[in-house]
Amino acid sequence: MFDQITSRPLMNSAQISRSSSPWTISCRFQLFIWSLVWPLLCRWTPKHFNFFRICILRSFGAHVSFSAFVHQRARIMHPWNLTMEAGSCLGDGAIAYNMAPILLRQGATVSQEVYLCTGSHDFLLPGWPLVTASITIGRDVFIGARSFVLPGVTIGDSVLVGACSVVTRSFTASQVIAGNPARHIRALHT
């Protein structure tokens, strides 16, 4: 239904003023339809209706493997900007605020109430225009409950992110990170 939708990365000039929308009328209409479809068709479904939720996401342009898991209470802003590889998981209450692409690699787990945020504002420019940057979560990453991942972050393979961490920068593979802001705690020996 919406497989041809693309949400381009926004540049600083995409917004005329603080009160204007950076989205086209067509995109706003698609967002409106999506905001009705997920609660009506998916939010109430039992956990084992995952295949159905993935079908709905795919019909809106998401690239989600049928072996991925999307919890019924996960919130996804722009499904067409979501890619989930085999065995990845978007947990209970997790928020994918994906104005730019979010990629969850194979086996990545985003646990309950994690916030993946791809948008912010450029506070150095008048009108504070919207700016976006993608997020990549590597293979076999585990992001602990209530963590927050900022725009432009890449988390390398096999990283463990402690609960309630604020990930403000990218991290390489095989380590444990935690805190606000998140920092290296120790190497992860696999």
N, C-alpha and C. Protein backbone atom coordinates (compact mmCIF):
# COMPACT_ATOMS: atom_id res chain seq x y z
N MET A 1 0.82 -1.20 0.00
CA MET A 1 0.00 0.00 0.00
C MET A 1 0.86 1.26 0.00
N PHE A 2 1.88 1.32 0.85
CA PHE A 2 2.71 2.50 0.94
C PHE A 2 4.17 2.18 0.66
N ASP A 3 4.46 1.16 -0.13
CA ASP A 3 5.84 0.73 -0.34
C ASP A 3 6.66 1.73 -1.15
N GLN A 4 6.02 2.74 -1.76
CA GLN A 4 6.77 3.72 -2.54
C GLN A 4 7.05 4.99 -1.74
N ILE A 5 6.68 5.00 -0.49
CA ILE A 5 6.89 6.18 0.35
C ILE A 5 8.37 6.28 0.70
N THR A 6 8.90 7.45 0.61
CA THR A 6 10.26 7.69 1.11
C THR A 6 10.23 8.93 1.97
N SER A 7 10.93 8.88 3.06
CA SER A 7 11.04 10.04 3.93
C SER A 7 12.49 10.48 3.88
N ARG A 8 12.76 11.47 3.06
CA ARG A 8 14.13 11.90 2.84
C ARG A 8 14.71 12.53 4.11
N PRO A 9 16.02 12.40 4.31
CA PRO A 9 16.63 13.10 5.44
C PRO A 9 16.42 14.60 5.28
N LEU A 10 16.03 15.24 6.33
CA LEU A 10 15.72 16.66 6.25
C LEU A 10 16.98 17.50 6.39
N MET A 11 17.05 18.55 5.62
CA MET A 11 18.13 19.51 5.74
C MET A 11 17.64 20.66 6.60
N ASN A 12 18.53 21.50 7.02
CA ASN A 12 18.15 22.62 7.86
C ASN A 12 17.10 23.52 7.22
N SER A 13 17.09 23.62 5.89
CA SER A 13 16.17 24.53 5.21
C SER A 13 14.79 23.92 4.96
N ALA A 14 14.54 22.70 5.42
CA ALA A 14 13.26 22.05 5.15
C ALA A 14 12.11 22.68 5.91
N GLN A 15 12.42 23.42 6.94
CA GLN A 15 11.40 24.04 7.76
C GLN A 15 11.50 25.55 7.59
N ILE A 16 10.39 26.18 7.26
CA ILE A 16 10.40 27.62 7.04
C ILE A 16 10.44 28.36 8.38
N SER A 17 9.68 27.86 9.35
CA SER A 17 9.66 28.48 10.67
C SER A 17 9.43 27.40 11.72
N ARG A 18 9.55 27.80 12.98
CA ARG A 18 9.35 26.85 14.07
C ARG A 18 7.96 26.24 14.06
N SER A 19 6.99 26.98 13.61
CA SER A 19 5.60 26.50 13.63
C SER A 19 5.20 25.74 12.37
N SER A 20 6.04 25.76 11.34
CA SER A 20 5.70 25.06 10.10
C SER A 20 6.10 23.60 10.17
N SER A 21 5.45 22.77 9.38
CA SER A 21 5.76 21.35 9.34
C SER A 21 6.84 21.09 8.29
N PRO A 22 7.80 20.22 8.62
CA PRO A 22 8.80 19.85 7.61
C PRO A 22 8.29 18.80 6.63
N TRP A 23 7.08 18.28 6.85
CA TRP A 23 6.54 17.19 6.04
C TRP A 23 5.62 17.73 4.96
N THR A 24 5.65 17.06 3.81
CA THR A 24 4.74 17.41 2.72
C THR A 24 3.31 17.02 3.12
N ILE A 25 2.36 17.53 2.39
CA ILE A 25 0.96 17.18 2.66
C ILE A 25 0.76 15.68 2.46
N SER A 26 1.37 15.12 1.43
CA SER A 26 1.27 13.68 1.17
C SER A 26 1.82 12.87 2.34
N CYS A 27 2.98 13.27 2.85
CA CYS A 27 3.57 12.56 3.99
C CYS A 27 2.69 12.69 5.22
N ARG A 28 2.15 13.87 5.46
CA ARG A 28 1.26 14.06 6.62
C ARG A 28 0.02 13.18 6.51
N PHE A 29 -0.51 13.03 5.29
CA PHE A 29 -1.67 12.16 5.09
C PHE A 29 -1.29 10.70 5.39
N GLN A 30 -0.13 10.27 4.91
CA GLN A 30 0.32 8.90 5.16
C GLN A 30 0.56 8.66 6.65
N LEU A 31 1.12 9.66 7.34
CA LEU A 31 1.31 9.55 8.79
C LEU A 31 -0.03 9.46 9.51
N PHE A 32 -1.02 10.20 9.02
CA PHE A 32 -2.36 10.14 9.62
C PHE A 32 -2.96 8.74 9.45
N ILE A 33 -2.88 8.18 8.25
CA ILE A 33 -3.39 6.82 8.02
C ILE A 33 -2.67 5.83 8.92
N TRP A 34 -1.33 5.94 9.00
CA TRP A 34 -0.55 5.04 9.86
C TRP A 34 -0.98 5.16 11.33
N SER A 35 -1.24 6.40 11.77
CA SER A 35 -1.63 6.62 13.17
C SER A 35 -2.97 5.98 13.50
N LEU A 36 -3.77 5.69 12.49
CA LEU A 36 -5.05 4.98 12.70
C LEU A 36 -4.86 3.47 12.60
N VAL A 37 -4.05 3.04 11.64
CA VAL A 37 -3.90 1.61 11.34
C VAL A 37 -3.26 0.84 12.49
N TRP A 38 -2.14 1.32 13.02
CA TRP A 38 -1.44 0.56 14.07
C TRP A 38 -2.33 0.34 15.30
N PRO A 39 -2.95 1.39 15.86
CA PRO A 39 -3.81 1.13 17.03
C PRO A 39 -5.04 0.26 16.72
N LEU A 40 -5.63 0.44 15.55
CA LEU A 40 -6.84 -0.32 15.22
C LEU A 40 -6.55 -1.78 14.87
N LEU A 41 -5.44 -2.03 14.18
CA LEU A 41 -5.18 -3.38 13.70
C LEU A 41 -4.12 -4.14 14.49
N CYS A 42 -3.26 -3.44 15.20
CA CYS A 42 -2.10 -4.13 15.80
C CYS A 42 -1.97 -4.00 17.31
N ARG A 43 -2.24 -2.85 17.86
CA ARG A 43 -1.96 -2.61 19.28
C ARG A 43 -2.68 -3.59 20.20
N TRP A 44 -3.84 -4.05 19.83
CA TRP A 44 -4.64 -4.95 20.67
C TRP A 44 -4.30 -6.42 20.47
N THR A 45 -3.48 -6.73 19.48
CA THR A 45 -3.24 -8.13 19.14
C THR A 45 -2.40 -8.84 20.20
N PRO A 46 -2.65 -10.12 20.43
CA PRO A 46 -1.81 -10.89 21.35
C PRO A 46 -0.38 -11.01 20.82
N LYS A 47 0.52 -11.33 21.72
CA LYS A 47 1.94 -11.42 21.38
C LYS A 47 2.21 -12.36 20.21
N HIS A 48 1.51 -13.47 20.14
CA HIS A 48 1.77 -14.45 19.09
C HIS A 48 1.19 -14.07 17.72
N PHE A 49 0.60 -12.87 17.59
CA PHE A 49 0.14 -12.37 16.29
C PHE A 49 1.24 -11.56 15.59
N ASN A 50 2.48 -11.83 15.94
CA ASN A 50 3.61 -11.11 15.40
C ASN A 50 3.64 -11.11 13.86
N PHE A 51 3.34 -12.24 13.24
CA PHE A 51 3.34 -12.34 11.78
C PHE A 51 2.39 -11.30 11.17
N PHE A 52 1.22 -11.15 11.77
CA PHE A 52 0.24 -10.18 11.29
C PHE A 52 0.78 -8.75 11.41
N ARG A 53 1.40 -8.42 12.57
CA ARG A 53 1.96 -7.07 12.75
C ARG A 53 3.06 -6.79 11.74
N ILE A 54 3.88 -7.79 11.46
CA ILE A 54 4.94 -7.61 10.47
C ILE A 54 4.34 -7.40 9.08
N CYS A 55 3.29 -8.11 8.75
CA CYS A 55 2.61 -7.90 7.45
C CYS A 55 2.11 -6.46 7.33
N ILE A 56 1.52 -5.94 8.39
CA ILE A 56 1.03 -4.55 8.37
C ILE A 56 2.21 -3.59 8.19
N LEU A 57 3.28 -3.79 8.95
CA LEU A 57 4.45 -2.93 8.80
C LEU A 57 5.00 -2.98 7.38
N ARG A 58 5.09 -4.17 6.83
CA ARG A 58 5.62 -4.32 5.47
C ARG A 58 4.71 -3.65 4.44
N SER A 59 3.40 -3.66 4.67
CA SER A 59 2.49 -3.01 3.74
C SER A 59 2.66 -1.49 3.75
N PHE A 60 3.27 -0.96 4.82
CA PHE A 60 3.57 0.47 4.90
C PHE A 60 5.03 0.77 4.55
N GLY A 61 5.74 -0.19 3.97
CA GLY A 61 7.08 0.06 3.47
C GLY A 61 8.22 -0.32 4.39
N ALA A 62 7.93 -0.89 5.56
CA ALA A 62 9.00 -1.34 6.45
C ALA A 62 9.69 -2.56 5.84
N HIS A 63 10.97 -2.70 6.12
CA HIS A 63 11.75 -3.86 5.68
C HIS A 63 12.00 -4.70 6.92
N VAL A 64 11.07 -5.59 7.22
CA VAL A 64 11.12 -6.37 8.46
C VAL A 64 11.11 -7.85 8.12
N SER A 65 12.11 -8.55 8.62
CA SER A 65 12.18 -10.00 8.44
C SER A 65 11.03 -10.66 9.19
N PHE A 66 10.49 -11.74 8.62
CA PHE A 66 9.40 -12.44 9.31
C PHE A 66 9.88 -13.15 10.57
N SER A 67 11.20 -13.26 10.76
CA SER A 67 11.69 -13.85 12.01
C SER A 67 12.03 -12.78 13.05
N ALA A 68 11.80 -11.51 12.73
CA ALA A 68 11.95 -10.43 13.71
C ALA A 68 10.72 -10.42 14.62
N PHE A 69 10.80 -9.70 15.74
CA PHE A 69 9.66 -9.57 16.64
C PHE A 69 9.38 -8.11 16.91
N VAL A 70 8.13 -7.70 16.72
CA VAL A 70 7.69 -6.34 17.02
C VAL A 70 6.55 -6.45 18.02
N HIS A 71 6.79 -5.95 19.22
CA HIS A 71 5.77 -6.01 20.27
C HIS A 71 4.58 -5.14 19.88
N GLN A 72 3.40 -5.57 20.27
CA GLN A 72 2.19 -4.83 19.90
C GLN A 72 2.14 -3.43 20.49
N ARG A 73 2.85 -3.19 21.60
CA ARG A 73 2.86 -1.85 22.20
C ARG A 73 4.08 -1.03 21.80
N ALA A 74 4.87 -1.50 20.84
CA ALA A 74 5.95 -0.68 20.30
C ALA A 74 5.33 0.45 19.49
N ARG A 75 6.01 1.59 19.44
CA ARG A 75 5.52 2.74 18.67
C ARG A 75 6.53 3.05 17.57
N ILE A 76 6.06 3.11 16.35
CA ILE A 76 6.91 3.36 15.19
C ILE A 76 6.34 4.56 14.45
N MET A 77 7.13 5.63 14.34
CA MET A 77 6.62 6.85 13.73
C MET A 77 6.48 6.73 12.22
N HIS A 78 7.55 6.35 11.53
CA HIS A 78 7.54 6.22 10.07
C HIS A 78 7.94 4.79 9.73
N PRO A 79 6.98 3.90 9.52
CA PRO A 79 7.34 2.50 9.26
C PRO A 79 8.24 2.32 8.05
N TRP A 80 8.12 3.18 7.06
CA TRP A 80 8.94 3.06 5.84
C TRP A 80 10.41 3.36 6.12
N ASN A 81 10.75 3.86 7.30
CA ASN A 81 12.14 4.10 7.69
C ASN A 81 12.65 3.06 8.68
N LEU A 82 12.01 1.92 8.77
CA LEU A 82 12.41 0.87 9.71
C LEU A 82 12.89 -0.37 8.95
N THR A 83 14.09 -0.84 9.31
CA THR A 83 14.61 -2.10 8.79
C THR A 83 14.98 -2.96 9.98
N MET A 84 14.43 -4.18 10.01
CA MET A 84 14.73 -5.14 11.08
C MET A 84 15.14 -6.45 10.43
N GLU A 85 16.38 -6.87 10.70
CA GLU A 85 16.87 -8.12 10.15
C GLU A 85 16.41 -9.31 11.00
N ALA A 86 16.72 -10.51 10.54
CA ALA A 86 16.29 -11.75 11.18
C ALA A 86 16.64 -11.78 12.67
N GLY A 87 15.67 -12.16 13.49
CA GLY A 87 15.90 -12.34 14.91
C GLY A 87 16.00 -11.07 15.72
N SER A 88 15.82 -9.90 15.10
CA SER A 88 15.87 -8.66 15.86
C SER A 88 14.54 -8.45 16.58
N CYS A 89 14.54 -7.56 17.58
CA CYS A 89 13.37 -7.40 18.43
C CYS A 89 13.18 -5.94 18.82
N LEU A 90 11.95 -5.47 18.71
CA LEU A 90 11.54 -4.15 19.19
C LEU A 90 10.54 -4.40 20.30
N GLY A 91 10.95 -4.16 21.54
CA GLY A 91 10.21 -4.61 22.71
C GLY A 91 9.02 -3.76 23.13
N ASP A 92 8.41 -4.18 24.21
CA ASP A 92 7.22 -3.57 24.79
C ASP A 92 7.46 -2.10 25.11
N GLY A 93 6.68 -1.22 24.51
CA GLY A 93 6.77 0.21 24.78
C GLY A 93 7.97 0.89 24.14
N ALA A 94 8.76 0.17 23.35
CA ALA A 94 9.90 0.80 22.67
C ALA A 94 9.37 1.80 21.64
N ILE A 95 10.10 2.89 21.46
CA ILE A 95 9.69 3.93 20.52
C ILE A 95 10.76 4.08 19.45
N ALA A 96 10.35 3.90 18.20
CA ALA A 96 11.21 4.16 17.05
C ALA A 96 10.75 5.48 16.45
N TYR A 97 11.36 6.56 16.91
CA TYR A 97 11.05 7.90 16.41
C TYR A 97 11.92 8.12 15.19
N ASN A 98 11.52 7.45 14.09
CA ASN A 98 12.40 7.28 12.93
C ASN A 98 12.05 8.20 11.78
N MET A 99 12.36 9.48 11.96
CA MET A 99 12.25 10.44 10.86
C MET A 99 13.33 10.15 9.82
N ALA A 100 14.42 9.54 10.24
CA ALA A 100 15.48 9.03 9.37
C ALA A 100 15.53 7.52 9.61
N PRO A 101 16.22 6.77 8.76
CA PRO A 101 16.22 5.32 8.89
C PRO A 101 16.78 4.80 10.21
N ILE A 102 16.14 3.74 10.70
CA ILE A 102 16.63 2.96 11.84
C ILE A 102 16.84 1.55 11.32
N LEU A 103 18.04 1.01 11.58
CA LEU A 103 18.38 -0.35 11.17
C LEU A 103 18.72 -1.17 12.40
N LEU A 104 18.01 -2.27 12.60
CA LEU A 104 18.33 -3.24 13.64
C LEU A 104 18.89 -4.46 12.93
N ARG A 105 20.17 -4.72 13.14
CA ARG A 105 20.83 -5.86 12.51
C ARG A 105 20.39 -7.16 13.15
N GLN A 106 20.80 -8.26 12.57
CA GLN A 106 20.41 -9.60 13.00
C GLN A 106 20.65 -9.81 14.50
N GLY A 107 19.60 -10.24 15.19
CA GLY A 107 19.70 -10.58 16.60
C GLY A 107 19.73 -9.41 17.56
N ALA A 108 19.59 -8.18 17.08
CA ALA A 108 19.60 -7.00 17.96
C ALA A 108 18.31 -6.97 18.78
N THR A 109 18.43 -6.66 20.07
CA THR A 109 17.27 -6.57 20.95
C THR A 109 17.17 -5.17 21.53
N VAL A 110 16.05 -4.52 21.26
CA VAL A 110 15.74 -3.22 21.83
C VAL A 110 14.66 -3.51 22.87
N SER A 111 15.04 -3.47 24.14
CA SER A 111 14.11 -3.93 25.18
C SER A 111 13.08 -2.86 25.53
N GLN A 112 12.30 -3.12 26.58
CA GLN A 112 11.13 -2.32 26.88
C GLN A 112 11.45 -0.85 27.15
N GLU A 113 10.62 0.00 26.56
CA GLU A 113 10.63 1.45 26.73
C GLU A 113 11.93 2.13 26.30
N VAL A 114 12.69 1.50 25.42
CA VAL A 114 13.87 2.16 24.84
C VAL A 114 13.37 3.18 23.82
N TYR A 115 14.05 4.32 23.75
CA TYR A 115 13.68 5.38 22.82
C TYR A 115 14.81 5.54 21.80
N LEU A 116 14.52 5.23 20.53
CA LEU A 116 15.45 5.43 19.43
C LEU A 116 15.02 6.70 18.70
N CYS A 117 15.80 7.76 18.81
CA CYS A 117 15.39 9.08 18.31
C CYS A 117 16.30 9.54 17.18
N THR A 118 15.76 9.68 15.97
CA THR A 118 16.56 10.12 14.82
C THR A 118 16.41 11.60 14.51
N GLY A 119 15.65 12.34 15.30
CA GLY A 119 15.44 13.75 15.01
C GLY A 119 15.78 14.66 16.17
N SER A 120 16.26 15.84 15.82
CA SER A 120 16.53 16.87 16.81
C SER A 120 16.38 18.22 16.11
N HIS A 121 16.89 19.26 16.72
CA HIS A 121 16.81 20.60 16.13
C HIS A 121 18.19 21.23 16.16
N ASP A 122 18.45 22.09 15.20
CA ASP A 122 19.70 22.84 15.16
C ASP A 122 19.46 24.14 15.92
N PHE A 123 19.88 24.16 17.17
CA PHE A 123 19.61 25.30 18.04
C PHE A 123 20.52 26.49 17.76
N LEU A 124 21.48 26.33 16.86
CA LEU A 124 22.36 27.43 16.50
C LEU A 124 21.78 28.29 15.38
N LEU A 125 20.74 27.80 14.70
CA LEU A 125 20.12 28.54 13.61
C LEU A 125 18.79 29.13 14.05
N PRO A 126 18.42 30.28 13.50
CA PRO A 126 17.11 30.87 13.82
C PRO A 126 15.99 29.90 13.45
N GLY A 127 15.00 29.83 14.25
CA GLY A 127 13.85 28.96 14.00
C GLY A 127 14.07 27.52 14.42
N TRP A 128 15.28 27.18 14.88
CA TRP A 128 15.59 25.83 15.35
C TRP A 128 15.09 24.76 14.39
N PRO A 129 15.58 24.75 13.15
CA PRO A 129 15.06 23.79 12.16
C PRO A 129 15.35 22.34 12.54
N LEU A 130 14.48 21.48 12.09
CA LEU A 130 14.60 20.05 12.32
C LEU A 130 15.78 19.49 11.54
N VAL A 131 16.56 18.63 12.20
CA VAL A 131 17.64 17.90 11.54
C VAL A 131 17.50 16.43 11.93
N THR A 132 17.87 15.54 11.02
CA THR A 132 17.73 14.11 11.29
C THR A 132 19.01 13.37 10.93
N ALA A 133 19.20 12.22 11.58
CA ALA A 133 20.33 11.34 11.26
C ALA A 133 19.92 9.93 11.64
N SER A 134 20.37 8.96 10.86
CA SER A 134 19.96 7.57 11.06
C SER A 134 20.63 6.93 12.27
N ILE A 135 20.05 5.83 12.73
CA ILE A 135 20.58 5.03 13.83
C ILE A 135 20.78 3.61 13.32
N THR A 136 21.94 3.02 13.64
CA THR A 136 22.21 1.63 13.30
C THR A 136 22.56 0.87 14.56
N ILE A 137 21.83 -0.22 14.80
CA ILE A 137 22.07 -1.09 15.94
C ILE A 137 22.65 -2.39 15.39
N GLY A 138 23.87 -2.74 15.81
CA GLY A 138 24.60 -3.87 15.26
C GLY A 138 24.04 -5.23 15.64
N ARG A 139 24.66 -6.27 15.10
CA ARG A 139 24.25 -7.65 15.34
C ARG A 139 24.44 -8.01 16.81
N ASP A 140 23.45 -8.73 17.35
CA ASP A 140 23.49 -9.26 18.72
C ASP A 140 23.72 -8.19 19.78
N VAL A 141 23.27 -6.98 19.53
CA VAL A 141 23.30 -5.91 20.53
C VAL A 141 22.11 -6.09 21.46
N PHE A 142 22.29 -5.77 22.73
CA PHE A 142 21.18 -5.73 23.67
C PHE A 142 21.14 -4.34 24.27
N ILE A 143 20.02 -3.64 24.09
CA ILE A 143 19.84 -2.31 24.67
C ILE A 143 18.88 -2.44 25.85
N GLY A 144 19.37 -2.13 27.05
CA GLY A 144 18.60 -2.29 28.27
C GLY A 144 17.43 -1.33 28.37
N ALA A 145 16.49 -1.69 29.22
CA ALA A 145 15.24 -0.96 29.40
C ALA A 145 15.46 0.53 29.64
N ARG A 146 14.57 1.32 29.04
CA ARG A 146 14.51 2.77 29.20
C ARG A 146 15.76 3.53 28.80
N SER A 147 16.54 2.95 27.93
CA SER A 147 17.70 3.66 27.39
C SER A 147 17.24 4.61 26.30
N PHE A 148 18.09 5.59 25.99
CA PHE A 148 17.79 6.59 24.97
C PHE A 148 18.97 6.64 24.01
N VAL A 149 18.70 6.49 22.71
CA VAL A 149 19.74 6.52 21.68
C VAL A 149 19.50 7.74 20.80
N LEU A 150 20.51 8.61 20.71
CA LEU A 150 20.40 9.86 19.98
C LEU A 150 20.64 9.70 18.48
N PRO A 151 20.25 10.72 17.68
CA PRO A 151 20.43 10.67 16.23
C PRO A 151 21.88 10.48 15.83
N GLY A 152 22.09 9.72 14.76
CA GLY A 152 23.41 9.54 14.19
C GLY A 152 24.28 8.50 14.86
N VAL A 153 23.75 7.80 15.85
CA VAL A 153 24.53 6.82 16.61
C VAL A 153 24.57 5.48 15.89
N THR A 154 25.75 4.85 15.88
CA THR A 154 25.92 3.49 15.43
C THR A 154 26.47 2.69 16.60
N ILE A 155 25.79 1.61 16.95
CA ILE A 155 26.25 0.73 18.02
C ILE A 155 26.76 -0.54 17.36
N GLY A 156 28.05 -0.84 17.58
CA GLY A 156 28.70 -1.99 16.94
C GLY A 156 28.14 -3.32 17.40
N ASP A 157 28.51 -4.39 16.73
CA ASP A 157 28.03 -5.74 17.03
C ASP A 157 28.39 -6.15 18.46
N SER A 158 27.52 -6.93 19.07
CA SER A 158 27.74 -7.55 20.38
C SER A 158 28.02 -6.55 21.49
N VAL A 159 27.32 -5.42 21.48
CA VAL A 159 27.44 -4.43 22.55
C VAL A 159 26.27 -4.62 23.50
N LEU A 160 26.53 -4.54 24.79
CA LEU A 160 25.49 -4.55 25.81
C LEU A 160 25.35 -3.13 26.35
N VAL A 161 24.14 -2.58 26.27
CA VAL A 161 23.88 -1.23 26.75
C VAL A 161 23.08 -1.35 28.05
N GLY A 162 23.62 -0.83 29.15
CA GLY A 162 22.96 -0.92 30.44
C GLY A 162 21.64 -0.17 30.46
N ALA A 163 20.73 -0.60 31.33
CA ALA A 163 19.43 0.03 31.47
C ALA A 163 19.57 1.51 31.79
N CYS A 164 18.66 2.31 31.27
CA CYS A 164 18.57 3.76 31.50
C CYS A 164 19.79 4.53 31.01
N SER A 165 20.51 3.99 30.07
CA SER A 165 21.67 4.69 29.51
C SER A 165 21.23 5.71 28.47
N VAL A 166 22.05 6.74 28.29
CA VAL A 166 21.82 7.74 27.24
C VAL A 166 23.00 7.65 26.29
N VAL A 167 22.75 7.09 25.11
CA VAL A 167 23.82 6.84 24.14
C VAL A 167 23.90 8.05 23.21
N THR A 168 24.94 8.87 23.43
CA THR A 168 25.09 10.13 22.71
C THR A 168 26.09 10.05 21.57
N ARG A 169 26.87 8.94 21.51
CA ARG A 169 27.87 8.79 20.46
C ARG A 169 27.95 7.33 20.05
N SER A 170 28.65 7.06 18.96
CA SER A 170 28.78 5.69 18.46
C SER A 170 29.80 4.90 19.27
N PHE A 171 29.61 3.57 19.30
CA PHE A 171 30.51 2.66 20.01
C PHE A 171 30.87 1.51 19.09
N THR A 172 32.10 1.02 19.23
CA THR A 172 32.56 -0.12 18.44
C THR A 172 32.08 -1.42 19.08
N ALA A 173 32.38 -2.53 18.45
CA ALA A 173 31.86 -3.84 18.83
C ALA A 173 32.42 -4.37 20.15
N SER A 174 31.69 -5.34 20.70
CA SER A 174 32.11 -6.19 21.82
C SER A 174 32.52 -5.42 23.07
N GLN A 175 31.60 -4.64 23.59
CA GLN A 175 31.85 -3.95 24.85
C GLN A 175 30.55 -3.75 25.62
N VAL A 176 30.70 -3.45 26.90
CA VAL A 176 29.58 -3.10 27.75
C VAL A 176 29.64 -1.60 27.96
N ILE A 177 28.50 -0.92 27.71
CA ILE A 177 28.44 0.53 27.92
C ILE A 177 27.26 0.83 28.82
N ALA A 178 27.35 1.92 29.57
CA ALA A 178 26.26 2.31 30.46
C ALA A 178 26.48 3.74 30.93
N GLY A 179 25.41 4.34 31.43
CA GLY A 179 25.50 5.65 32.04
C GLY A 179 24.86 6.75 31.24
N ASN A 180 24.96 7.97 31.80
CA ASN A 180 24.43 9.17 31.17
C ASN A 180 25.48 10.27 31.25
N PRO A 181 26.20 10.51 30.15
CA PRO A 181 26.14 9.81 28.87
C PRO A 181 26.81 8.43 28.97
N ALA A 182 26.41 7.54 28.07
CA ALA A 182 26.96 6.18 28.08
C ALA A 182 28.45 6.23 27.84
N ARG A 183 29.18 5.37 28.56
CA ARG A 183 30.62 5.28 28.41
C ARG A 183 31.02 3.82 28.47
N HIS A 184 32.21 3.53 28.01
CA HIS A 184 32.74 2.18 28.02
C HIS A 184 32.92 1.72 29.47
N ILE A 185 32.38 0.55 29.81
CA ILE A 185 32.54 -0.04 31.15
C ILE A 185 33.64 -1.10 31.12
N ARG A 186 33.51 -2.00 30.16
CA ARG A 186 34.52 -3.05 30.01
C ARG A 186 34.35 -3.72 28.67
N ALA A 187 35.36 -4.49 28.27
CA ALA A 187 35.28 -5.26 27.03
C ALA A 187 34.35 -6.44 27.26
N LEU A 188 33.70 -6.88 26.22
CA LEU A 188 32.82 -8.04 26.29
C LEU A 188 33.54 -9.21 25.64
N HIS A 189 33.84 -10.21 26.42
CA HIS A 189 34.54 -11.38 25.90
C HIS A 189 33.51 -12.41 25.46
N THR A 190 33.53 -12.74 24.17
CA THR A 190 32.56 -13.70 23.65
C THR A 190 33.17 -15.06 23.46
